[in-house]
């Protein structure tokens, strides 16, 4: 199984709006896949889901910052 890369805070701080949008979608998909694995009898993925959610929150904050910059 391929390891899932979660962007770090510094990685997210350097992302463009387009890259943030792509990562946001990817992380939401990863959360869905992890939850799906659990419902089909797979191992608990709560730790990994929590990591995805933290990165997702940082990305959403970055997107908000970038949109505020464009509006100014």
Foldseek 3Di string as FASTA:
>chain_A
DDDDDQDDLVRLLPDDLVVLVVLLVVLVVVLVVQVVCVVVPHDHDVVVNVSSVVSNVSSVVNNVVNVVVVVD
